[in-house]
Amino acid sequence: MPKFHDPADLERTVDSLLHELVAHLRADHGIDLTLGRRARTRLLLELAADLPLDDEGVARGFENMLRTPLDQALRTHRPARPGPLTITDLAREFGTWTASLA
């Protein structure tokens, strides 16, 4: 398993995971998800802080920091109709990650 000593490798893995999530949301829910600059920066910085990570560690971090908070936000603030949705920010509050949507 590769170790992510190079930030570009980490970004490629995150982009791949994000692409899978975007495709799933588009196909199953009609949501065109984008990750805002602030949220992307936070995600990459937090993952990079845990280096060296392997693919599994990055996938776990992605799940904890982005996918789970997104699922919770969508259950709480269900979009009125299919279409574009942006994750504008990711934040950790009392050890739990949250996603802000626009």
C-alpha atoms as a PDB file:
ATOM      1  CA  MET A   1       0.000   0.000   0.000  1.00  0.00           C
ATOM      2  CA  PRO A   2       1.372   3.403  -0.881  1.00  0.00           C
ATOM      3  CA  LYS A   3       2.342   5.864   1.802  1.00  0.00           C
ATOM      4  CA  PHE A   4       1.384   9.465   1.116  1.00  0.00           C
ATOM      5  CA  HIS A   5       4.641  11.333   1.567  1.00  0.00           C
ATOM      6  CA  ASP A   6       3.764  13.340  -1.541  1.00  0.00           C
ATOM      7  CA  PRO A   7       0.728  15.640  -1.180  1.00  0.00           C
ATOM      8  CA  ALA A   8      -0.125  15.036  -4.855  1.00  0.00           C
ATOM      9  CA  ASP A   9      -0.619  11.316  -4.123  1.00  0.00           C
ATOM     10  CA  LEU A  10      -2.947  12.159  -1.258  1.00  0.00           C
ATOM     11  CA  GLU A  11      -4.914  14.549  -3.490  1.00  0.00           C
ATOM     12  CA  ARG A  12      -5.280  11.910  -6.209  1.00  0.00           C
ATOM     13  CA  THR A  13      -6.658   9.396  -3.729  1.00  0.00           C
ATOM     14  CA  VAL A  14      -9.086  11.938  -2.245  1.00  0.00           C
ATOM     15  CA  ASP A  15     -10.175  12.964  -5.755  1.00  0.00           C
ATOM     16  CA  SER A  16     -10.877   9.317  -6.585  1.00  0.00           C
ATOM     17  CA  LEU A  17     -12.974   8.837  -3.435  1.00  0.00           C
ATOM     18  CA  LEU A  18     -14.799  12.097  -4.118  1.00  0.00           C
ATOM     19  CA  HIS A  19     -15.495  11.075  -7.715  1.00  0.00           C
ATOM     20  CA  GLU A  20     -17.129   7.852  -6.469  1.00  0.00           C
ATOM     21  CA  LEU A  21     -19.262   9.800  -3.981  1.00  0.00           C
ATOM     22  CA  VAL A  22     -20.313  12.372  -6.597  1.00  0.00           C
ATOM     23  CA  ALA A  23     -21.275   9.631  -9.072  1.00  0.00           C
ATOM     24  CA  HIS A  24     -23.332   7.831  -6.417  1.00  0.00           C
ATOM     25  CA  LEU A  25     -25.222  10.963  -5.364  1.00  0.00           C
ATOM     26  CA  ARG A  26     -25.902  11.938  -8.975  1.00  0.00           C
ATOM     27  CA  ALA A  27     -27.159   8.480  -9.979  1.00  0.00           C
ATOM     28  CA  ASP A  28     -29.201   7.722  -6.860  1.00  0.00           C
ATOM     29  CA  HIS A  29     -30.450  11.146  -5.775  1.00  0.00           C
ATOM     30  CA  GLY A  30     -29.968  13.551  -8.682  1.00  0.00           C
ATOM     31  CA  ILE A  31     -27.591  15.661  -6.580  1.00  0.00           C
ATOM     32  CA  ASP A  32     -24.620  17.303  -8.324  1.00  0.00           C
ATOM     33  CA  LEU A  33     -22.184  17.550  -5.443  1.00  0.00           C
ATOM     34  CA  THR A  34     -19.137  19.788  -5.406  1.00  0.00           C
ATOM     35  CA  LEU A  35     -16.567  20.225  -2.672  1.00  0.00           C
ATOM     36  CA  GLY A  36     -15.902  23.898  -2.031  1.00  0.00           C
ATOM     37  CA  ARG A  37     -12.361  25.216  -1.785  1.00  0.00           C
ATOM     38  CA  ARG A  38     -12.501  25.730   1.984  1.00  0.00           C
ATOM     39  CA  ALA A  39     -13.889  22.233   2.620  1.00  0.00           C
ATOM     40  CA  ARG A  40     -11.332  20.643   0.275  1.00  0.00           C
ATOM     41  CA  THR A  41      -8.460  22.482   1.917  1.00  0.00           C
ATOM     42  CA  ARG A  42      -9.618  21.451   5.395  1.00  0.00           C
ATOM     43  CA  LEU A  43     -10.042  17.814   4.340  1.00  0.00           C
ATOM     44  CA  LEU A  44      -6.575  17.629   2.779  1.00  0.00           C
ATOM     45  CA  LEU A  45      -4.888  19.422   5.689  1.00  0.00           C
ATOM     46  CA  GLU A  46      -6.488  17.138   8.263  1.00  0.00           C
ATOM     47  CA  LEU A  47      -5.606  14.007   6.302  1.00  0.00           C
ATOM     48  CA  ALA A  48      -2.047  15.241   5.740  1.00  0.00           C
ATOM     49  CA  ALA A  49      -1.667  15.849   9.485  1.00  0.00           C
ATOM     50  CA  ASP A  50      -2.048  12.089   9.981  1.00  0.00           C
ATOM     51  CA  LEU A  51       0.728  11.141   7.558  1.00  0.00           C
ATOM     52  CA  PRO A  52       1.950   8.573   6.817  1.00  0.00           C
ATOM     53  CA  LEU A  53      -1.387   7.122   5.757  1.00  0.00           C
ATOM     54  CA  ASP A  54      -2.095   4.285   3.403  1.00  0.00           C
ATOM     55  CA  ASP A  55      -5.149   3.933   1.131  1.00  0.00           C
ATOM     56  CA  GLU A  56      -7.236   2.447   3.949  1.00  0.00           C
ATOM     57  CA  GLY A  57      -6.328   5.266   6.331  1.00  0.00           C
ATOM     58  CA  VAL A  58      -7.269   7.880   3.743  1.00  0.00           C
ATOM     59  CA  ALA A  59     -10.560   6.086   3.046  1.00  0.00           C
ATOM     60  CA  ARG A  60     -11.354   5.974   6.799  1.00  0.00           C
ATOM     61  CA  GLY A  61     -10.505   9.660   7.159  1.00  0.00           C
ATOM     62  CA  PHE A  62     -12.623  10.517   4.112  1.00  0.00           C
ATOM     63  CA  GLU A  63     -15.524   8.543   5.594  1.00  0.00           C
ATOM     64  CA  ASN A  64     -15.202  10.193   9.024  1.00  0.00           C
ATOM     65  CA  MET A  65     -14.532  13.740   7.859  1.00  0.00           C
ATOM     66  CA  LEU A  66     -16.720  14.009   4.758  1.00  0.00           C
ATOM     67  CA  ARG A  67     -19.055  11.153   3.903  1.00  0.00           C
ATOM     68  CA  THR A  68     -20.633  10.597   7.336  1.00  0.00           C
ATOM     69  CA  PRO A  69     -21.123  14.335   8.028  1.00  0.00           C
ATOM     70  CA  LEU A  70     -22.589  14.760   4.520  1.00  0.00           C
ATOM     71  CA  ASP A  71     -25.047  11.906   5.115  1.00  0.00           C
ATOM     72  CA  GLN A  72     -26.108  13.505   8.412  1.00  0.00           C
ATOM     73  CA  ALA A  73     -26.483  16.939   6.811  1.00  0.00           C
ATOM     74  CA  LEU A  74     -28.579  15.506   3.968  1.00  0.00           C
ATOM     75  CA  ARG A  75     -30.890  13.745   6.433  1.00  0.00           C
ATOM     76  CA  THR A  76     -31.316  16.971   8.392  1.00  0.00           C
ATOM     77  CA  HIS A  77     -31.491  19.438   5.484  1.00  0.00           C
ATOM     78  CA  ARG A  78     -32.816  17.419   2.562  1.00  0.00           C
ATOM     79  CA  PRO A  79     -32.515  19.432  -0.670  1.00  0.00           C
ATOM     80  CA  ALA A  80     -35.946  20.455  -1.953  1.00  0.00           C
ATOM     81  CA  ARG A  81     -35.157  19.195  -5.439  1.00  0.00           C
ATOM     82  CA  PRO A  82     -32.363  17.473  -7.327  1.00  0.00           C
ATOM     83  CA  GLY A  83     -29.581  19.707  -8.543  1.00  0.00           C
ATOM     84  CA  PRO A  84     -26.349  21.325  -7.431  1.00  0.00           C
ATOM     85  CA  LEU A  85     -25.157  21.097  -3.849  1.00  0.00           C
ATOM     86  CA  THR A  86     -21.855  22.338  -2.446  1.00  0.00           C
ATOM     87  CA  ILE A  87     -20.078  21.312   0.720  1.00  0.00           C
ATOM     88  CA  THR A  88     -18.795  24.729   1.750  1.00  0.00           C
ATOM     89  CA  ASP A  89     -16.974  23.777   4.928  1.00  0.00           C
ATOM     90  CA  LEU A  90     -16.012  20.911   7.181  1.00  0.00           C
ATOM     91  CA  ALA A  91     -15.624  21.455  10.905  1.00  0.00           C
ATOM     92  CA  ARG A  92     -14.882  19.363  13.963  1.00  0.00           C
ATOM     93  CA  GLU A  93     -17.073  20.182  16.929  1.00  0.00           C
ATOM     94  CA  PHE A  94     -16.483  18.289  20.187  1.00  0.00           C
ATOM     95  CA  GLY A  95     -14.741  15.512  18.236  1.00  0.00           C
ATOM     96  CA  THR A  96     -17.509  15.125  15.651  1.00  0.00           C
ATOM     97  CA  TRP A  97     -17.173  16.270  12.044  1.00  0.00           C
ATOM     98  CA  THR A  98     -19.919  18.372  10.452  1.00  0.00           C
ATOM     99  CA  ALA A  99     -20.505  19.498   6.866  1.00  0.00           C
ATOM    100  CA  SER A 100     -21.937  22.876   5.872  1.00  0.00           C
ATOM    101  CA  LEU A 101     -24.033  22.823   2.688  1.00  0.00           C
ATOM    102  CA  ALA A 102     -25.111  25.479   0.206  1.00  0.00           C
END
